[in-house]
Amino acid sequence: MFVESEGERPSHKRVSQAAESGASVMATACPFCVVNFEDGVKTVGVDIKVRDVAEIIAGLVGNGGA
């Protein structure tokens, strides 16, 4: 989980792929991934929001599902 590797970080690669796809939000259920993706967004310099799946659902339930 905390192994440093040479080359591009996997989280930065995933953020770049999301940006290329036109995504505006990246969703994950993994708190560790949220932190890594947020770092990737800052490093890569793209405008993508990183959200936990539970956070998205809580927002929908709080708005009456709208």
PDB file of N, CA and C in Angstrom:
ATOM      1  N   MET A   1       0.820  -1.184   0.000  1.00  0.00           N
ATOM      2  CA  MET A   1       0.000   0.000   0.000  1.00  0.00           C
ATOM      3  C   MET A   1       0.871   1.259   0.000  1.00  0.00           C
ATOM      4  N   PHE A   2       1.969   1.250   0.711  1.00  0.00           N
ATOM      5  CA  PHE A   2       2.797   2.445   0.824  1.00  0.00           C
ATOM      6  C   PHE A   2       4.132   2.274   0.113  1.00  0.00           C
ATOM      7  N   VAL A   3       4.164   1.488  -0.920  1.00  0.00           N
ATOM      8  CA  VAL A   3       5.393   1.225  -1.644  1.00  0.00           C
ATOM      9  C   VAL A   3       5.598   2.305  -2.700  1.00  0.00           C
ATOM     10  N   GLU A   4       6.746   2.914  -2.681  1.00  0.00           N
ATOM     11  CA  GLU A   4       7.092   3.905  -3.702  1.00  0.00           C
ATOM     12  C   GLU A   4       7.624   3.157  -4.917  1.00  0.00           C
ATOM     13  N   SER A   5       7.208   3.581  -6.078  1.00  0.00           N
ATOM     14  CA  SER A   5       7.699   2.946  -7.295  1.00  0.00           C
ATOM     15  C   SER A   5       8.270   4.016  -8.218  1.00  0.00           C
ATOM     16  N   GLU A   6       9.069   3.583  -9.160  1.00  0.00           N
ATOM     17  CA  GLU A   6       9.655   4.510 -10.118  1.00  0.00           C
ATOM     18  C   GLU A   6       8.631   4.835 -11.190  1.00  0.00           C
ATOM     19  N   GLY A   7       8.782   6.000 -11.780  1.00  0.00           N
ATOM     20  CA  GLY A   7       7.873   6.394 -12.851  1.00  0.00           C
ATOM     21  C   GLY A   7       6.638   7.083 -12.319  1.00  0.00           C
ATOM     22  N   GLU A   8       5.647   7.162 -13.193  1.00  0.00           N
ATOM     23  CA  GLU A   8       4.404   7.855 -12.847  1.00  0.00           C
ATOM     24  C   GLU A   8       3.634   7.092 -11.770  1.00  0.00           C
ATOM     25  N   ARG A   9       3.122   7.815 -10.799  1.00  0.00           N
ATOM     26  CA  ARG A   9       2.326   7.190  -9.736  1.00  0.00           C
ATOM     27  C   ARG A   9       1.000   6.712 -10.317  1.00  0.00           C
ATOM     28  N   PRO A  10       0.540   5.550  -9.869  1.00  0.00           N
ATOM     29  CA  PRO A  10      -0.732   5.025 -10.382  1.00  0.00           C
ATOM     30  C   PRO A  10      -1.903   5.997 -10.203  1.00  0.00           C
ATOM     31  N   SER A  11      -1.940   6.708  -9.079  1.00  0.00           N
ATOM     32  CA  SER A  11      -3.041   7.651  -8.852  1.00  0.00           C
ATOM     33  C   SER A  11      -2.987   8.810  -9.851  1.00  0.00           C
ATOM     34  N   HIS A  12      -1.799   9.261 -10.204  1.00  0.00           N
ATOM     35  CA  HIS A  12      -1.659  10.343 -11.173  1.00  0.00           C
ATOM     36  C   HIS A  12      -2.090   9.845 -12.557  1.00  0.00           C
ATOM     37  N   LYS A  13      -1.758   8.602 -12.862  1.00  0.00           N
ATOM     38  CA  LYS A  13      -2.160   8.024 -14.142  1.00  0.00           C
ATOM     39  C   LYS A  13      -3.685   7.933 -14.226  1.00  0.00           C
ATOM     40  N   ARG A  14      -4.336   7.501 -13.151  1.00  0.00           N
ATOM     41  CA  ARG A  14      -5.805   7.383 -13.138  1.00  0.00           C
ATOM     42  C   ARG A  14      -6.470   8.749 -13.262  1.00  0.00           C
ATOM     43  N   VAL A  15      -5.894   9.763 -12.612  1.00  0.00           N
ATOM     44  CA  VAL A  15      -6.427  11.119 -12.707  1.00  0.00           C
ATOM     45  C   VAL A  15      -6.294  11.622 -14.152  1.00  0.00           C
ATOM     46  N   SER A  16      -5.159  11.369 -14.767  1.00  0.00           N
ATOM     47  CA  SER A  16      -4.960  11.774 -16.159  1.00  0.00           C
ATOM     48  C   SER A  16      -5.958  11.076 -17.079  1.00  0.00           C
ATOM     49  N   GLN A  17      -6.191   9.795 -16.840  1.00  0.00           N
ATOM     50  CA  GLN A  17      -7.160   9.047 -17.640  1.00  0.00           C
ATOM     51  C   GLN A  17      -8.571   9.607 -17.456  1.00  0.00           C
ATOM     52  N   ALA A  18      -8.921   9.957 -16.230  1.00  0.00           N
ATOM     53  CA  ALA A  18     -10.243  10.532 -15.964  1.00  0.00           C
ATOM     54  C   ALA A  18     -10.394  11.865 -16.680  1.00  0.00           C
ATOM     55  N   ALA A  19      -9.341  12.680 -16.653  1.00  0.00           N
ATOM     56  CA  ALA A  19      -9.375  13.978 -17.330  1.00  0.00           C
ATOM     57  C   ALA A  19      -9.536  13.795 -18.840  1.00  0.00           C
ATOM     58  N   GLU A  20      -8.820  12.838 -19.404  1.00  0.00           N
ATOM     59  CA  GLU A  20      -8.915  12.563 -20.842  1.00  0.00           C
ATOM     60  C   GLU A  20     -10.309  12.086 -21.239  1.00  0.00           C
ATOM     61  N   SER A  21     -11.004  11.428 -20.315  1.00  0.00           N
ATOM     62  CA  SER A  21     -12.348  10.912 -20.613  1.00  0.00           C
ATOM     63  C   SER A  21     -13.410  12.009 -20.521  1.00  0.00           C
ATOM     64  N   GLY A  22     -13.036  13.161 -19.950  1.00  0.00           N
ATOM     65  CA  GLY A  22     -13.990  14.248 -19.787  1.00  0.00           C
ATOM     66  C   GLY A  22     -14.737  14.199 -18.467  1.00  0.00           C
ATOM     67  N   ALA A  23     -14.337  13.329 -17.562  1.00  0.00           N
ATOM     68  CA  ALA A  23     -14.997  13.205 -16.262  1.00  0.00           C
ATOM     69  C   ALA A  23     -14.831  14.476 -15.442  1.00  0.00           C
ATOM     70  N   SER A  24     -15.846  14.796 -14.660  1.00  0.00           N
ATOM     71  CA  SER A  24     -15.748  15.943 -13.759  1.00  0.00           C
ATOM     72  C   SER A  24     -15.652  15.497 -12.306  1.00  0.00           C
ATOM     73  N   VAL A  25     -15.947  14.203 -12.054  1.00  0.00           N
ATOM     74  CA  VAL A  25     -15.896  13.651 -10.705  1.00  0.00           C
ATOM     75  C   VAL A  25     -15.265  12.266 -10.752  1.00  0.00           C
ATOM     76  N   MET A  26     -14.406  11.985  -9.775  1.00  0.00           N
ATOM     77  CA  MET A  26     -13.890  10.629  -9.571  1.00  0.00           C
ATOM     78  C   MET A  26     -14.486  10.135  -8.261  1.00  0.00           C
ATOM     79  N   ALA A  27     -15.095   8.964  -8.283  1.00  0.00           N
ATOM     80  CA  ALA A  27     -15.723   8.402  -7.083  1.00  0.00           C
ATOM     81  C   ALA A  27     -15.013   7.114  -6.677  1.00  0.00           C
ATOM     82  N   THR A  28     -14.832   6.947  -5.374  1.00  0.00           N
ATOM     83  CA  THR A  28     -14.219   5.743  -4.842  1.00  0.00           C
ATOM     84  C   THR A  28     -14.778   5.466  -3.454  1.00  0.00           C
ATOM     85  N   ALA A  29     -14.730   4.216  -3.045  1.00  0.00           N
ATOM     86  CA  ALA A  29     -15.173   3.840  -1.705  1.00  0.00           C
ATOM     87  C   ALA A  29     -13.984   3.654  -0.764  1.00  0.00           C
ATOM     88  N   CYS A  30     -12.795   3.969  -1.238  1.00  0.00           N
ATOM     89  CA  CYS A  30     -11.564   3.762  -0.476  1.00  0.00           C
ATOM     90  C   CYS A  30     -11.011   5.099   0.024  1.00  0.00           C
ATOM     91  N   PRO A  31     -10.959   5.312   1.342  1.00  0.00           N
ATOM     92  CA  PRO A  31     -10.425   6.567   1.875  1.00  0.00           C
ATOM     93  C   PRO A  31      -8.974   6.830   1.467  1.00  0.00           C
ATOM     94  N   PHE A  32      -8.171   5.793   1.372  1.00  0.00           N
ATOM     95  CA  PHE A  32      -6.778   5.938   0.946  1.00  0.00           C
ATOM     96  C   PHE A  32      -6.717   6.448  -0.492  1.00  0.00           C
ATOM     97  N   CYS A  33      -7.617   5.937  -1.347  1.00  0.00           N
ATOM     98  CA  CYS A  33      -7.660   6.369  -2.746  1.00  0.00           C
ATOM     99  C   CYS A  33      -8.111   7.824  -2.860  1.00  0.00           C
ATOM    100  N   VAL A  34      -9.041   8.239  -2.010  1.00  0.00           N
ATOM    101  CA  VAL A  34      -9.482   9.644  -2.026  1.00  0.00           C
ATOM    102  C   VAL A  34      -8.270  10.550  -1.826  1.00  0.00           C
ATOM    103  N   VAL A  35      -7.454  10.251  -0.841  1.00  0.00           N
ATOM    104  CA  VAL A  35      -6.273  11.065  -0.543  1.00  0.00           C
ATOM    105  C   VAL A  35      -5.312  11.060  -1.731  1.00  0.00           C
ATOM    106  N   ASN A  36      -5.062   9.885  -2.301  1.00  0.00           N
ATOM    107  CA  ASN A  36      -4.132   9.782  -3.424  1.00  0.00           C
ATOM    108  C   ASN A  36      -4.661  10.473  -4.672  1.00  0.00           C
ATOM    109  N   PHE A  37      -5.951  10.329  -4.953  1.00  0.00           N
ATOM    110  CA  PHE A  37      -6.528  10.986  -6.121  1.00  0.00           C
ATOM    111  C   PHE A  37      -6.536  12.503  -5.951  1.00  0.00           C
ATOM    112  N   GLU A  38      -6.811  12.977  -4.740  1.00  0.00           N
ATOM    113  CA  GLU A  38      -6.770  14.426  -4.497  1.00  0.00           C
ATOM    114  C   GLU A  38      -5.363  14.969  -4.727  1.00  0.00           C
ATOM    115  N   ASP A  39      -4.352  14.221  -4.303  1.00  0.00           N
ATOM    116  CA  ASP A  39      -2.968  14.604  -4.568  1.00  0.00           C
ATOM    117  C   ASP A  39      -2.709  14.609  -6.069  1.00  0.00           C
ATOM    118  N   GLY A  40      -3.213  13.598  -6.756  1.00  0.00           N
ATOM    119  CA  GLY A  40      -3.040  13.506  -8.206  1.00  0.00           C
ATOM    120  C   GLY A  40      -3.679  14.663  -8.935  1.00  0.00           C
ATOM    121  N   VAL A  41      -4.862  15.069  -8.503  1.00  0.00           N
ATOM    122  CA  VAL A  41      -5.567  16.194  -9.129  1.00  0.00           C
ATOM    123  C   VAL A  41      -4.723  17.462  -9.008  1.00  0.00           C
ATOM    124  N   LYS A  42      -4.134  17.688  -7.831  1.00  0.00           N
ATOM    125  CA  LYS A  42      -3.294  18.868  -7.619  1.00  0.00           C
ATOM    126  C   LYS A  42      -2.011  18.792  -8.452  1.00  0.00           C
ATOM    127  N   THR A  43      -1.399  17.613  -8.483  1.00  0.00           N
ATOM    128  CA  THR A  43      -0.133  17.443  -9.193  1.00  0.00           C
ATOM    129  C   THR A  43      -0.317  17.533 -10.697  1.00  0.00           C
ATOM    130  N   VAL A  44      -1.340  16.855 -11.210  1.00  0.00           N
ATOM    131  CA  VAL A  44      -1.584  16.834 -12.653  1.00  0.00           C
ATOM    132  C   VAL A  44      -2.145  18.181 -13.113  1.00  0.00           C
ATOM    133  N   GLY A  45      -2.862  18.863 -12.215  1.00  0.00           N
ATOM    134  CA  GLY A  45      -3.393  20.183 -12.536  1.00  0.00           C
ATOM    135  C   GLY A  45      -4.675  20.150 -13.345  1.00  0.00           C
ATOM    136  N   VAL A  46      -5.589  19.279 -12.965  1.00  0.00           N
ATOM    137  CA  VAL A  46      -6.874  19.188 -13.660  1.00  0.00           C
ATOM    138  C   VAL A  46      -8.004  19.602 -12.720  1.00  0.00           C
ATOM    139  N   ASP A  47      -9.145  19.908 -13.308  1.00  0.00           N
ATOM    140  CA  ASP A  47     -10.306  20.332 -12.525  1.00  0.00           C
ATOM    141  C   ASP A  47     -11.284  19.168 -12.404  1.00  0.00           C
ATOM    142  N   ILE A  48     -10.975  18.243 -11.500  1.00  0.00           N
ATOM    143  CA  ILE A  48     -11.819  17.080 -11.235  1.00  0.00           C
ATOM    144  C   ILE A  48     -12.043  17.008  -9.734  1.00  0.00           C
ATOM    145  N   LYS A  49     -13.265  16.763  -9.328  1.00  0.00           N
ATOM    146  CA  LYS A  49     -13.578  16.594  -7.914  1.00  0.00           C
ATOM    147  C   LYS A  49     -13.423  15.125  -7.553  1.00  0.00           C
ATOM    148  N   VAL A  50     -12.877  14.862  -6.379  1.00  0.00           N
ATOM    149  CA  VAL A  50     -12.730  13.500  -5.873  1.00  0.00           C
ATOM    150  C   VAL A  50     -13.705  13.336  -4.728  1.00  0.00           C
ATOM    151  N   ARG A  51     -14.572  12.344  -4.809  1.00  0.00           N
ATOM    152  CA  ARG A  51     -15.610  12.136  -3.803  1.00  0.00           C
ATOM    153  C   ARG A  51     -15.657  10.673  -3.373  1.00  0.00           C
ATOM    154  N   ASP A  52     -15.974  10.485  -2.102  1.00  0.00           N
ATOM    155  CA  ASP A  52     -16.251   9.148  -1.586  1.00  0.00           C
ATOM    156  C   ASP A  52     -17.674   8.790  -1.997  1.00  0.00           C
ATOM    157  N   VAL A  53     -17.902   7.546  -2.360  1.00  0.00           N
ATOM    158  CA  VAL A  53     -19.233   7.101  -2.782  1.00  0.00           C
ATOM    159  C   VAL A  53     -20.272   7.414  -1.706  1.00  0.00           C
ATOM    160  N   ALA A  54     -19.921   7.202  -0.448  1.00  0.00           N
ATOM    161  CA  ALA A  54     -20.850   7.484   0.655  1.00  0.00           C
ATOM    162  C   ALA A  54     -21.200   8.964   0.707  1.00  0.00           C
ATOM    163  N   GLU A  55     -20.248   9.817   0.391  1.00  0.00           N
ATOM    164  CA  GLU A  55     -20.476  11.265   0.370  1.00  0.00           C
ATOM    165  C   GLU A  55     -21.484  11.631  -0.731  1.00  0.00           C
ATOM    166  N   ILE A  56     -21.371  10.997  -1.859  1.00  0.00           N
ATOM    167  CA  ILE A  56     -22.300  11.248  -2.966  1.00  0.00           C
ATOM    168  C   ILE A  56     -23.705  10.798  -2.588  1.00  0.00           C
ATOM    169  N   ILE A  57     -23.810   9.613  -2.018  1.00  0.00           N
ATOM    170  CA  ILE A  57     -25.127   9.089  -1.618  1.00  0.00           C
ATOM    171  C   ILE A  57     -25.737   9.964  -0.528  1.00  0.00           C
ATOM    172  N   ALA A  58     -24.934  10.368   0.444  1.00  0.00           N
ATOM    173  CA  ALA A  58     -25.449  11.221   1.519  1.00  0.00           C
ATOM    174  C   ALA A  58     -25.984  12.534   0.959  1.00  0.00           C
ATOM    175  N   GLY A  59     -25.320  13.072  -0.040  1.00  0.00           N
ATOM    176  CA  GLY A  59     -25.799  14.292  -0.665  1.00  0.00           C
ATOM    177  C   GLY A  59     -27.109  14.106  -1.384  1.00  0.00           C
ATOM    178  N   LEU A  60     -27.289  12.956  -2.010  1.00  0.00           N
ATOM    179  CA  LEU A  60     -28.553  12.674  -2.700  1.00  0.00           C
ATOM    180  C   LEU A  60     -29.695  12.453  -1.725  1.00  0.00           C
ATOM    181  N   VAL A  61     -29.427  11.734  -0.644  1.00  0.00           N
ATOM    182  CA  VAL A  61     -30.455  11.485   0.366  1.00  0.00           C
ATOM    183  C   VAL A  61     -30.840  12.786   1.059  1.00  0.00           C
ATOM    184  N   GLY A  62     -29.867  13.643   1.313  1.00  0.00           N
ATOM    185  CA  GLY A  62     -30.128  14.918   1.960  1.00  0.00           C
ATOM    186  C   GLY A  62     -30.951  15.858   1.099  1.00  0.00           C
ATOM    187  N   ASN A  63     -30.916  15.652  -0.217  1.00  0.00           N
ATOM    188  CA  ASN A  63     -31.668  16.501  -1.139  1.00  0.00           C
ATOM    189  C   ASN A  63     -32.960  15.841  -1.591  1.00  0.00           C
ATOM    190  N   GLY A  64     -33.401  14.835  -0.902  1.00  0.00           N
ATOM    191  CA  GLY A  64     -34.619  14.145  -1.288  1.00  0.00           C
ATOM    192  C   GLY A  64     -34.477  13.348  -2.562  1.00  0.00           C
ATOM    193  N   GLY A  65     -33.238  12.991  -2.896  1.00  0.00           N
ATOM    194  CA  GLY A  65     -32.995  12.189  -4.091  1.00  0.00           C
ATOM    195  C   GLY A  65     -32.970  12.983  -5.381  1.00  0.00           C
ATOM    196  N   ALA A  66     -33.041  14.301  -5.300  1.00  0.00           N
ATOM    197  CA  ALA A  66     -33.047  15.135  -6.507  1.00  0.00           C
ATOM    198  C   ALA A  66     -31.657  15.403  -7.001  1.00  0.00           C
TER     199      ALA A  66
END
